[in-house]
Amino acid sequence: MDLTQVNISGLNLARFNLTGANLFVANLKQADLTGAKLIVAKLIVAKLTGADLTGAKLTEADLTGAKLIVANLTEAVLAGANLTEAVLTRANLTRANLRGAYRFKPDWTEVLLTEVLLTEADLEGAILKGATMPDGSIHN
């Protein structure tokens, strides 16, 4: 499904199946994507600021350069996802699954990582200023 540059900001897409969708440069700001299936979706440079992705399945999704500022990713599955240069400033990743996810220079300023599964995740070059780590400590 090709949804390149689509503007679906603010829409209710809860539980939608967008598996394999091409959402390159899509505007999904403030969208409700609760429980949505975005498995292997291409969300390259997508705008997801303020989006609700609670419980969303983003397994092996490509989020290169995506903006997830203040996004809610509570209990989201991002296993094997590409978060290279993604901006997750003040995003909530409580109980998210990031197993095997890889990120090169992501911006996680003030991100909430409480109870996050980071097994086999690569945090190379991550900006973690003010981030709440899985153990509850604040990274400086």
C-alpha atoms as a PDB file:
ATOM      1  CA  MET A   1       0.000   0.000   0.000  1.00  0.00           C
ATOM      2  CA  ASP A   2       1.621   3.289  -1.072  1.00  0.00           C
ATOM      3  CA  LEU A   3       0.697   6.152   1.251  1.00  0.00           C
ATOM      4  CA  THR A   4       3.719   8.320   0.444  1.00  0.00           C
ATOM      5  CA  GLN A   5       3.298  11.884   1.783  1.00  0.00           C
ATOM      6  CA  VAL A   6      -0.301  11.237   2.840  1.00  0.00           C
ATOM      7  CA  ASN A   7      -1.734  13.660   5.422  1.00  0.00           C
ATOM      8  CA  ILE A   8      -3.758  11.686   7.944  1.00  0.00           C
ATOM      9  CA  SER A   9      -2.949  13.787  10.980  1.00  0.00           C
ATOM     10  CA  GLY A  10      -5.396  13.545  13.855  1.00  0.00           C
ATOM     11  CA  LEU A  11      -7.316  10.593  12.392  1.00  0.00           C
ATOM     12  CA  ASN A  12      -8.457   7.548  14.351  1.00  0.00           C
ATOM     13  CA  LEU A  13      -6.560   4.601  12.862  1.00  0.00           C
ATOM     14  CA  ALA A  14      -6.770   2.433  15.970  1.00  0.00           C
ATOM     15  CA  ARG A  15      -6.230  -1.262  15.188  1.00  0.00           C
ATOM     16  CA  PHE A  16      -5.773  -0.574  11.431  1.00  0.00           C
ATOM     17  CA  ASN A  17      -3.634  -3.092   9.563  1.00  0.00           C
ATOM     18  CA  LEU A  18      -0.935  -1.111   7.749  1.00  0.00           C
ATOM     19  CA  THR A  19       1.520  -4.007   7.494  1.00  0.00           C
ATOM     20  CA  GLY A  20       4.117  -3.290   4.802  1.00  0.00           C
ATOM     21  CA  ALA A  21       2.643   0.138   4.011  1.00  0.00           C
ATOM     22  CA  ASN A  22       4.870   2.816   2.500  1.00  0.00           C
ATOM     23  CA  LEU A  23       4.304   5.882   4.691  1.00  0.00           C
ATOM     24  CA  PHE A  24       7.382   7.785   3.497  1.00  0.00           C
ATOM     25  CA  VAL A  25       7.168  11.427   4.710  1.00  0.00           C
ATOM     26  CA  ALA A  26       3.565  10.809   5.842  1.00  0.00           C
ATOM     27  CA  ASN A  27       1.949  13.253   8.274  1.00  0.00           C
ATOM     28  CA  LEU A  28       0.532  11.223  11.161  1.00  0.00           C
ATOM     29  CA  LYS A  29       0.731  13.951  13.806  1.00  0.00           C
ATOM     30  CA  GLN A  30      -1.731  13.402  16.676  1.00  0.00           C
ATOM     31  CA  ALA A  31      -3.102  10.265  14.932  1.00  0.00           C
ATOM     32  CA  ASP A  32      -4.607   7.498  17.066  1.00  0.00           C
ATOM     33  CA  LEU A  33      -2.683   4.376  16.052  1.00  0.00           C
ATOM     34  CA  THR A  34      -3.502   2.423  19.207  1.00  0.00           C
ATOM     35  CA  GLY A  35      -2.972  -1.282  18.519  1.00  0.00           C
ATOM     36  CA  ALA A  36      -2.279  -0.649  14.819  1.00  0.00           C
ATOM     37  CA  LYS A  37      -0.229  -3.157  12.821  1.00  0.00           C
ATOM     38  CA  LEU A  38       2.688  -1.384  11.149  1.00  0.00           C
ATOM     39  CA  ILE A  39       4.870  -4.463  10.745  1.00  0.00           C
ATOM     40  CA  VAL A  40       7.681  -3.854   8.193  1.00  0.00           C
ATOM     41  CA  ALA A  41       6.059  -0.500   7.366  1.00  0.00           C
ATOM     42  CA  LYS A  42       8.257   2.200   5.870  1.00  0.00           C
ATOM     43  CA  LEU A  43       7.814   5.273   8.072  1.00  0.00           C
ATOM     44  CA  ILE A  44      10.962   7.005   6.819  1.00  0.00           C
ATOM     45  CA  VAL A  45      10.932  10.705   7.816  1.00  0.00           C
ATOM     46  CA  ALA A  46       7.295  10.287   8.906  1.00  0.00           C
ATOM     47  CA  LYS A  47       5.802  12.917  11.205  1.00  0.00           C
ATOM     48  CA  LEU A  48       4.371  11.145  14.258  1.00  0.00           C
ATOM     49  CA  THR A  49       4.562  13.995  16.779  1.00  0.00           C
ATOM     50  CA  GLY A  50       1.947  13.470  19.485  1.00  0.00           C
ATOM     51  CA  ALA A  51       0.693  10.232  17.910  1.00  0.00           C
ATOM     52  CA  ASP A  52      -0.739   7.515  20.159  1.00  0.00           C
ATOM     53  CA  LEU A  53       0.962   4.229  19.269  1.00  0.00           C
ATOM     54  CA  THR A  54       0.023   2.420  22.475  1.00  0.00           C
ATOM     55  CA  GLY A  55       0.320  -1.314  21.852  1.00  0.00           C
ATOM     56  CA  ALA A  56       1.135  -0.794  18.160  1.00  0.00           C
ATOM     57  CA  LYS A  57       3.082  -3.501  16.335  1.00  0.00           C
ATOM     58  CA  LEU A  58       6.074  -1.914  14.571  1.00  0.00           C
ATOM     59  CA  THR A  59       8.184  -5.062  14.229  1.00  0.00           C
ATOM     60  CA  GLU A  60      10.988  -4.473  11.697  1.00  0.00           C
ATOM     61  CA  ALA A  61       9.471  -1.118  10.696  1.00  0.00           C
ATOM     62  CA  ASP A  62      11.804   1.471   9.173  1.00  0.00           C
ATOM     63  CA  LEU A  63      11.511   4.685  11.201  1.00  0.00           C
ATOM     64  CA  THR A  64      14.690   6.301   9.855  1.00  0.00           C
ATOM     65  CA  GLY A  65      14.525  10.029  10.572  1.00  0.00           C
ATOM     66  CA  ALA A  66      10.948   9.796  11.874  1.00  0.00           C
ATOM     67  CA  LYS A  67       9.723  12.449  14.314  1.00  0.00           C
ATOM     68  CA  LEU A  68       8.073  10.783  17.320  1.00  0.00           C
ATOM     69  CA  ILE A  69       8.219  13.806  19.619  1.00  0.00           C
ATOM     70  CA  VAL A  70       5.899  13.343  22.650  1.00  0.00           C
ATOM     71  CA  ALA A  71       4.498  10.192  21.006  1.00  0.00           C
ATOM     72  CA  ASN A  72       2.984   7.519  23.238  1.00  0.00           C
ATOM     73  CA  LEU A  73       4.626   4.152  22.500  1.00  0.00           C
ATOM     74  CA  THR A  74       3.558   2.430  25.720  1.00  0.00           C
ATOM     75  CA  GLU A  75       3.722  -1.365  25.231  1.00  0.00           C
ATOM     76  CA  ALA A  76       4.535  -0.904  21.521  1.00  0.00           C
ATOM     77  CA  VAL A  77       6.511  -3.664  19.804  1.00  0.00           C
ATOM     78  CA  LEU A  78       9.519  -2.226  17.954  1.00  0.00           C
ATOM     79  CA  ALA A  79      11.518  -5.466  17.772  1.00  0.00           C
ATOM     80  CA  GLY A  80      14.039  -5.253  14.941  1.00  0.00           C
ATOM     81  CA  ALA A  81      12.903  -1.735  14.018  1.00  0.00           C
ATOM     82  CA  ASN A  82      15.285   0.766  12.422  1.00  0.00           C
ATOM     83  CA  LEU A  83      15.280   3.985  14.467  1.00  0.00           C
ATOM     84  CA  THR A  84      18.335   5.583  12.843  1.00  0.00           C
ATOM     85  CA  GLU A  85      18.301   9.338  13.541  1.00  0.00           C
ATOM     86  CA  ALA A  86      14.707   9.116  14.785  1.00  0.00           C
ATOM     87  CA  VAL A  87      13.679  11.888  17.182  1.00  0.00           C
ATOM     88  CA  LEU A  88      11.826  10.576  20.233  1.00  0.00           C
ATOM     89  CA  THR A  89      12.137  13.635  22.477  1.00  0.00           C
ATOM     90  CA  ARG A  90       9.800  13.247  25.487  1.00  0.00           C
ATOM     91  CA  ALA A  91       8.237  10.094  23.990  1.00  0.00           C
ATOM     92  CA  ASN A  92       6.788   7.484  26.343  1.00  0.00           C
ATOM     93  CA  LEU A  93       8.265   4.009  25.739  1.00  0.00           C
ATOM     94  CA  THR A  94       7.036   2.434  28.983  1.00  0.00           C
ATOM     95  CA  ARG A  95       7.046  -1.384  28.672  1.00  0.00           C
ATOM     96  CA  ALA A  96       7.884  -1.156  24.937  1.00  0.00           C
ATOM     97  CA  ASN A  97       9.710  -4.054  23.284  1.00  0.00           C
ATOM     98  CA  LEU A  98      12.874  -2.838  21.530  1.00  0.00           C
ATOM     99  CA  ARG A  99      14.524  -6.257  21.301  1.00  0.00           C
ATOM    100  CA  GLY A 100      17.019  -6.230  18.446  1.00  0.00           C
ATOM    101  CA  ALA A 101      16.021  -2.727  17.377  1.00  0.00           C
ATOM    102  CA  TYR A 102      18.848  -0.665  16.013  1.00  0.00           C
ATOM    103  CA  ARG A 103      19.428   3.023  16.214  1.00  0.00           C
ATOM    104  CA  PHE A 104      22.289   5.154  15.013  1.00  0.00           C
ATOM    105  CA  LYS A 105      22.340   8.625  16.556  1.00  0.00           C
ATOM    106  CA  PRO A 106      18.696   8.705  17.690  1.00  0.00           C
ATOM    107  CA  ASP A 107      17.602  11.661  19.815  1.00  0.00           C
ATOM    108  CA  TRP A 108      15.986  10.331  22.975  1.00  0.00           C
ATOM    109  CA  THR A 109      16.121  13.548  25.008  1.00  0.00           C
ATOM    110  CA  GLU A 110      13.840  13.212  28.059  1.00  0.00           C
ATOM    111  CA  VAL A 111      12.366   9.947  26.729  1.00  0.00           C
ATOM    112  CA  LEU A 112      10.638   7.645  29.242  1.00  0.00           C
ATOM    113  CA  LEU A 113      12.200   4.145  29.044  1.00  0.00           C
ATOM    114  CA  THR A 114      10.631   2.612  32.173  1.00  0.00           C
ATOM    115  CA  GLU A 115      10.454  -1.214  32.032  1.00  0.00           C
ATOM    116  CA  VAL A 116      11.605  -1.237  28.381  1.00  0.00           C
ATOM    117  CA  LEU A 117      12.980  -4.460  26.887  1.00  0.00           C
ATOM    118  CA  LEU A 118      16.341  -3.494  25.348  1.00  0.00           C
ATOM    119  CA  THR A 119      17.808  -6.990  24.839  1.00  0.00           C
ATOM    120  CA  GLU A 120      20.110  -7.017  21.802  1.00  0.00           C
ATOM    121  CA  ALA A 121      19.237  -3.379  21.068  1.00  0.00           C
ATOM    122  CA  ASP A 122      22.013  -1.149  19.717  1.00  0.00           C
ATOM    123  CA  LEU A 123      22.147   2.341  21.277  1.00  0.00           C
ATOM    124  CA  GLU A 124      25.223   3.564  19.378  1.00  0.00           C
ATOM    125  CA  GLY A 125      25.473   7.349  19.469  1.00  0.00           C
ATOM    126  CA  ALA A 126      22.119   7.788  21.232  1.00  0.00           C
ATOM    127  CA  ILE A 127      21.356  11.167  22.788  1.00  0.00           C
ATOM    128  CA  LEU A 128      19.854  10.262  26.168  1.00  0.00           C
ATOM    129  CA  LYS A 129      19.968  13.608  28.006  1.00  0.00           C
ATOM    130  CA  GLY A 130      17.367  13.580  30.773  1.00  0.00           C
ATOM    131  CA  ALA A 131      16.019  10.166  29.710  1.00  0.00           C
ATOM    132  CA  THR A 132      14.383   8.000  32.368  1.00  0.00           C
ATOM    133  CA  MET A 133      16.187   4.668  32.072  1.00  0.00           C
ATOM    134  CA  PRO A 134      14.622   1.184  32.601  1.00  0.00           C
ATOM    135  CA  ASP A 135      15.893   1.132  36.205  1.00  0.00           C
ATOM    136  CA  GLY A 136      14.218   4.496  36.923  1.00  0.00           C
ATOM    137  CA  SER A 137      17.434   6.522  36.953  1.00  0.00           C
ATOM    138  CA  ILE A 138      17.720   9.776  35.013  1.00  0.00           C
ATOM    139  CA  HIS A 139      20.512   9.872  32.425  1.00  0.00           C
ATOM    140  CA  ASN A 140      22.546  13.095  32.414  1.00  0.00           C
END
